[in-house]
C-alpha atoms as a PDB file:
ATOM      1  CA  UNK A   1     -30.373  14.024  40.002  1.00  0.00           C
ATOM      2  CA  UNK A   2     -32.558  16.557  38.250  1.00  0.00           C
ATOM      3  CA  UNK A   3     -33.677  15.901  34.629  1.00  0.00           C
ATOM      4  CA  UNK A   4     -31.715  18.813  33.209  1.00  0.00           C
ATOM      5  CA  UNK A   5     -28.457  17.499  34.623  1.00  0.00           C
ATOM      6  CA  UNK A   6     -29.168  13.964  33.372  1.00  0.00           C
ATOM      7  CA  UNK A   7     -29.743  15.288  29.859  1.00  0.00           C
ATOM      8  CA  UNK A   8     -26.457  17.192  30.073  1.00  0.00           C
ATOM      9  CA  UNK A   9     -24.560  14.070  31.150  1.00  0.00           C
ATOM     10  CA  UNK A  10     -26.268  11.987  28.439  1.00  0.00           C
ATOM     11  CA  UNK A  11     -25.318  14.562  25.811  1.00  0.00           C
ATOM     12  CA  UNK A  12     -21.733  14.594  27.054  1.00  0.00           C
ATOM     13  CA  UNK A  13     -21.632  10.795  26.952  1.00  0.00           C
ATOM     14  CA  UNK A  14     -22.967  10.716  23.374  1.00  0.00           C
ATOM     15  CA  UNK A  15     -20.372  13.324  22.363  1.00  0.00           C
ATOM     16  CA  UNK A  16     -17.563  11.321  24.013  1.00  0.00           C
ATOM     17  CA  UNK A  17     -18.627   8.107  22.292  1.00  0.00           C
ATOM     18  CA  UNK A  18     -18.885   9.838  18.904  1.00  0.00           C
ATOM     19  CA  UNK A  19     -15.454  11.402  19.431  1.00  0.00           C
ATOM     20  CA  UNK A  20     -13.854   8.060  20.281  1.00  0.00           C
ATOM     21  CA  UNK A  21     -15.467   6.294  17.323  1.00  0.00           C
ATOM     22  CA  UNK A  22     -14.525   9.057  14.901  1.00  0.00           C
ATOM     23  CA  UNK A  23     -11.006   9.214  16.313  1.00  0.00           C
ATOM     24  CA  UNK A  24     -10.537   5.481  15.747  1.00  0.00           C
ATOM     25  CA  UNK A  25     -11.435   5.838  12.068  1.00  0.00           C
ATOM     26  CA  UNK A  26      -9.255   8.899  11.579  1.00  0.00           C
ATOM     27  CA  UNK A  27      -6.221   7.411  13.319  1.00  0.00           C
ATOM     28  CA  UNK A  28      -5.996   4.300  11.122  1.00  0.00           C
ATOM     29  CA  UNK A  29      -4.802   6.026   7.903  1.00  0.00           C
ATOM     30  CA  UNK A  30      -2.428   8.112  10.005  1.00  0.00           C
ATOM     31  CA  UNK A  31      -0.884   4.931  11.413  1.00  0.00           C
ATOM     32  CA  UNK A  32      -0.246   3.588   7.892  1.00  0.00           C
ATOM     33  CA  UNK A  33       1.471   6.812   6.844  1.00  0.00           C
ATOM     34  CA  UNK A  34       3.686   6.717   9.933  1.00  0.00           C
ATOM     35  CA  UNK A  35       4.667   3.112   9.219  1.00  0.00           C
ATOM     36  CA  UNK A  36       5.578   3.883   5.607  1.00  0.00           C
ATOM     37  CA  UNK A  37       7.588   6.921   6.713  1.00  0.00           C
ATOM     38  CA  UNK A  38       9.580   4.726   9.102  1.00  0.00           C
ATOM     39  CA  UNK A  39      11.154   2.712   6.276  1.00  0.00           C
ATOM     40  CA  UNK A  40      14.636   3.371   4.955  1.00  0.00           C
ATOM     41  CA  UNK A  41      14.957   3.993   1.206  1.00  0.00           C
ATOM     42  CA  UNK A  42      18.678   3.091   1.089  1.00  0.00           C
ATOM     43  CA  UNK A  43      18.035  -0.292   2.716  1.00  0.00           C
ATOM     44  CA  UNK A  44      15.041  -0.728   0.396  1.00  0.00           C
ATOM     45  CA  UNK A  45      17.236  -0.088  -2.652  1.00  0.00           C
ATOM     46  CA  UNK A  46      19.669  -2.786  -1.498  1.00  0.00           C
ATOM     47  CA  UNK A  47      16.798  -5.214  -0.918  1.00  0.00           C
ATOM     48  CA  UNK A  48      15.407  -4.411  -4.352  1.00  0.00           C
ATOM     49  CA  UNK A  49      18.719  -5.351  -5.944  1.00  0.00           C
ATOM     50  CA  UNK A  50      19.265  -8.522  -3.894  1.00  0.00           C
ATOM     51  CA  UNK A  51      15.729  -9.920  -4.068  1.00  0.00           C
ATOM     52  CA  UNK A  52      14.265 -11.107  -7.386  1.00  0.00           C
ATOM     53  CA  UNK A  53      12.673  -7.651  -7.885  1.00  0.00           C
ATOM     54  CA  UNK A  54      15.412  -6.297 -10.153  1.00  0.00           C
ATOM     55  CA  UNK A  55      15.443  -9.410 -12.342  1.00  0.00           C
ATOM     56  CA  UNK A  56      11.873  -8.692 -13.490  1.00  0.00           C
ATOM     57  CA  UNK A  57      11.092  -5.008 -12.841  1.00  0.00           C
ATOM     58  CA  UNK A  58      13.006  -2.178 -14.521  1.00  0.00           C
ATOM     59  CA  UNK A  59      13.180   0.935 -12.320  1.00  0.00           C
ATOM     60  CA  UNK A  60      14.854   3.080 -14.977  1.00  0.00           C
ATOM     61  CA  UNK A  61      11.826   3.100 -17.317  1.00  0.00           C
ATOM     62  CA  UNK A  62       8.265   4.322 -16.719  1.00  0.00           C
ATOM     63  CA  UNK A  63       5.242   2.162 -15.974  1.00  0.00           C
ATOM     64  CA  UNK A  64       3.815  -0.012 -17.399  1.00  0.00           C
ATOM     65  CA  UNK A  65       6.107  -1.423 -20.123  1.00  0.00           C
ATOM     66  CA  UNK A  66       8.278  -4.384 -19.342  1.00  0.00           C
ATOM     67  CA  UNK A  67       8.314  -7.748 -21.056  1.00  0.00           C
ATOM     68  CA  UNK A  68       7.820  -9.806 -17.885  1.00  0.00           C
ATOM     69  CA  UNK A  69       6.434  -7.341 -15.342  1.00  0.00           C
ATOM     70  CA  UNK A  70       5.521  -3.665 -15.240  1.00  0.00           C
ATOM     71  CA  UNK A  71       8.381  -1.175 -15.169  1.00  0.00           C
ATOM     72  CA  UNK A  72       8.610   0.704 -11.876  1.00  0.00           C
ATOM     73  CA  UNK A  73      10.421   3.876 -12.919  1.00  0.00           C
ATOM     74  CA  UNK A  74       7.450   6.028 -11.878  1.00  0.00           C
ATOM     75  CA  UNK A  75       5.586   3.610  -9.613  1.00  0.00           C
ATOM     76  CA  UNK A  76       4.858   6.209  -6.912  1.00  0.00           C
ATOM     77  CA  UNK A  77       2.958   8.361  -9.409  1.00  0.00           C
ATOM     78  CA  UNK A  78       1.221   5.408 -11.048  1.00  0.00           C
ATOM     79  CA  UNK A  79       0.291   3.805  -7.720  1.00  0.00           C
ATOM     80  CA  UNK A  80      -1.461   7.001  -6.627  1.00  0.00           C
ATOM     81  CA  UNK A  81      -3.349   7.002  -9.937  1.00  0.00           C
ATOM     82  CA  UNK A  82      -4.262   3.299  -9.811  1.00  0.00           C
ATOM     83  CA  UNK A  83      -5.951   3.460  -6.386  1.00  0.00           C
ATOM     84  CA  UNK A  84      -8.336   6.076  -7.825  1.00  0.00           C
ATOM     85  CA  UNK A  85      -9.278   3.962 -10.872  1.00  0.00           C
ATOM     86  CA  UNK A  86     -12.809   2.531 -10.967  1.00  0.00           C
ATOM     87  CA  UNK A  87     -11.458  -0.917 -11.914  1.00  0.00           C
ATOM     88  CA  UNK A  88      -9.156  -1.021  -8.860  1.00  0.00           C
ATOM     89  CA  UNK A  89     -10.735  -3.252  -6.200  1.00  0.00           C
ATOM     90  CA  UNK A  90      -7.870  -3.647  -3.748  1.00  0.00           C
ATOM     91  CA  UNK A  91      -7.790  -2.218  -0.220  1.00  0.00           C
ATOM     92  CA  UNK A  92      -5.094   0.434  -0.606  1.00  0.00           C
ATOM     93  CA  UNK A  93      -6.033   4.085  -0.265  1.00  0.00           C
ATOM     94  CA  UNK A  94      -2.727   5.669  -1.257  1.00  0.00           C
ATOM     95  CA  UNK A  95       0.474   4.976  -3.190  1.00  0.00           C
ATOM     96  CA  UNK A  96       2.306   3.448  -0.213  1.00  0.00           C
ATOM     97  CA  UNK A  97      -0.616   1.142   0.485  1.00  0.00           C
ATOM     98  CA  UNK A  98      -0.833   0.072  -3.154  1.00  0.00           C
ATOM     99  CA  UNK A  99       2.880  -0.712  -3.345  1.00  0.00           C
ATOM    100  CA  UNK A 100       2.715  -2.661  -0.070  1.00  0.00           C
ATOM    101  CA  UNK A 101      -0.366  -4.556  -1.260  1.00  0.00           C
ATOM    102  CA  UNK A 102       1.251  -5.353  -4.621  1.00  0.00           C
ATOM    103  CA  UNK A 103       4.234  -6.925  -2.877  1.00  0.00           C
ATOM    104  CA  UNK A 104       2.319  -9.072  -0.380  1.00  0.00           C
ATOM    105  CA  UNK A 105      -0.825  -9.759  -2.448  1.00  0.00           C
ATOM    106  CA  UNK A 106       0.084  -9.450  -6.135  1.00  0.00           C
ATOM    107  CA  UNK A 107      -3.357 -10.665  -7.220  1.00  0.00           C
ATOM    108  CA  UNK A 108      -5.164  -7.753  -5.548  1.00  0.00           C
ATOM    109  CA  UNK A 109      -4.717  -5.765  -8.766  1.00  0.00           C
ATOM    110  CA  UNK A 110      -2.889  -7.067 -11.812  1.00  0.00           C
ATOM    111  CA  UNK A 111      -1.668  -4.386 -14.167  1.00  0.00           C
ATOM    112  CA  UNK A 112      -3.095  -4.943 -17.652  1.00  0.00           C
ATOM    113  CA  UNK A 113      -0.419  -6.409 -19.858  1.00  0.00           C
ATOM    114  CA  UNK A 114       0.122  -9.366 -22.131  1.00  0.00           C
ATOM    115  CA  UNK A 115       2.648 -11.204 -19.962  1.00  0.00           C
ATOM    116  CA  UNK A 116       1.675 -10.117 -16.445  1.00  0.00           C
ATOM    117  CA  UNK A 117      -0.731 -13.037 -15.868  1.00  0.00           C
ATOM    118  CA  UNK A 118      -0.229 -16.772 -15.823  1.00  0.00           C
ATOM    119  CA  UNK A 119      -2.527 -19.066 -17.814  1.00  0.00           C
ATOM    120  CA  UNK A 120      -4.786 -19.391 -14.744  1.00  0.00           C
ATOM    121  CA  UNK A 121      -5.214 -15.590 -14.533  1.00  0.00           C
ATOM    122  CA  UNK A 122      -2.978 -15.193 -11.476  1.00  0.00           C
ATOM    123  CA  UNK A 123      -0.169 -12.665 -11.319  1.00  0.00           C
ATOM    124  CA  UNK A 124       3.262 -13.827 -12.424  1.00  0.00           C
ATOM    125  CA  UNK A 125       4.736 -12.172  -9.328  1.00  0.00           C
ATOM    126  CA  UNK A 126       5.684 -14.567  -6.513  1.00  0.00           C
ATOM    127  CA  UNK A 127       3.088 -14.646  -3.752  1.00  0.00           C
ATOM    128  CA  UNK A 128       5.481 -15.426  -0.908  1.00  0.00           C
ATOM    129  CA  UNK A 129       6.953 -12.010  -0.105  1.00  0.00           C
ATOM    130  CA  UNK A 130       4.345 -11.427   2.610  1.00  0.00           C
ATOM    131  CA  UNK A 131       5.761 -14.441   4.459  1.00  0.00           C
ATOM    132  CA  UNK A 132       9.456 -14.072   3.631  1.00  0.00           C
ATOM    133  CA  UNK A 133       9.969 -10.344   4.217  1.00  0.00           C
ATOM    134  CA  UNK A 134      10.033  -8.895   7.703  1.00  0.00           C
ATOM    135  CA  UNK A 135       7.733  -5.919   8.314  1.00  0.00           C
ATOM    136  CA  UNK A 136      10.815  -3.655   8.379  1.00  0.00           C
ATOM    137  CA  UNK A 137      12.067  -5.006   5.047  1.00  0.00           C
ATOM    138  CA  UNK A 138       8.646  -4.529   3.496  1.00  0.00           C
ATOM    139  CA  UNK A 139       8.521  -0.911   4.658  1.00  0.00           C
ATOM    140  CA  UNK A 140      12.069  -0.303   3.394  1.00  0.00           C
ATOM    141  CA  UNK A 141      11.010  -1.551  -0.050  1.00  0.00           C
ATOM    142  CA  UNK A 142       7.857   0.576   0.008  1.00  0.00           C
ATOM    143  CA  UNK A 143       9.785   3.722   0.946  1.00  0.00           C
ATOM    144  CA  UNK A 144      12.383   3.025  -1.746  1.00  0.00           C
ATOM    145  CA  UNK A 145       9.719   2.510  -4.417  1.00  0.00           C
ATOM    146  CA  UNK A 146       7.995   5.724  -3.335  1.00  0.00           C
ATOM    147  CA  UNK A 147      11.139   7.542  -4.516  1.00  0.00           C
ATOM    148  CA  UNK A 148      10.449   6.320  -8.059  1.00  0.00           C
ATOM    149  CA  UNK A 149       8.321   9.166  -9.410  1.00  0.00           C
END
């Protein structure tokens, strides 16, 4: 094979590898958005009322507030704001991700508030929802909470 053709094939190979690697990074956030969009807000609202959520979080009043836990009346707006804060060190990149993370890992970011932490600094929110909720239930809750603007 002549040198010119080998260089052409090598360039094509480098381009293909770069495309695949870039495509893998770009597709990940897209996958998370598709998962969140697959939830059902009506089912999420029913879950919210039947799980302990409603006994602590008020969805009729804006964030933060709340004597026990933050109010969630505008959680979609606040979640989008929180992930952009310099003191946020969780993994979420958007509101849906923050809400999901807050449910399954409540210590990832604890909203500042006098009663939102236990004496040991941990969140007062139960840490078991990641094990007790099915992936579909979790997404239903996320989609429901995204309606709270």
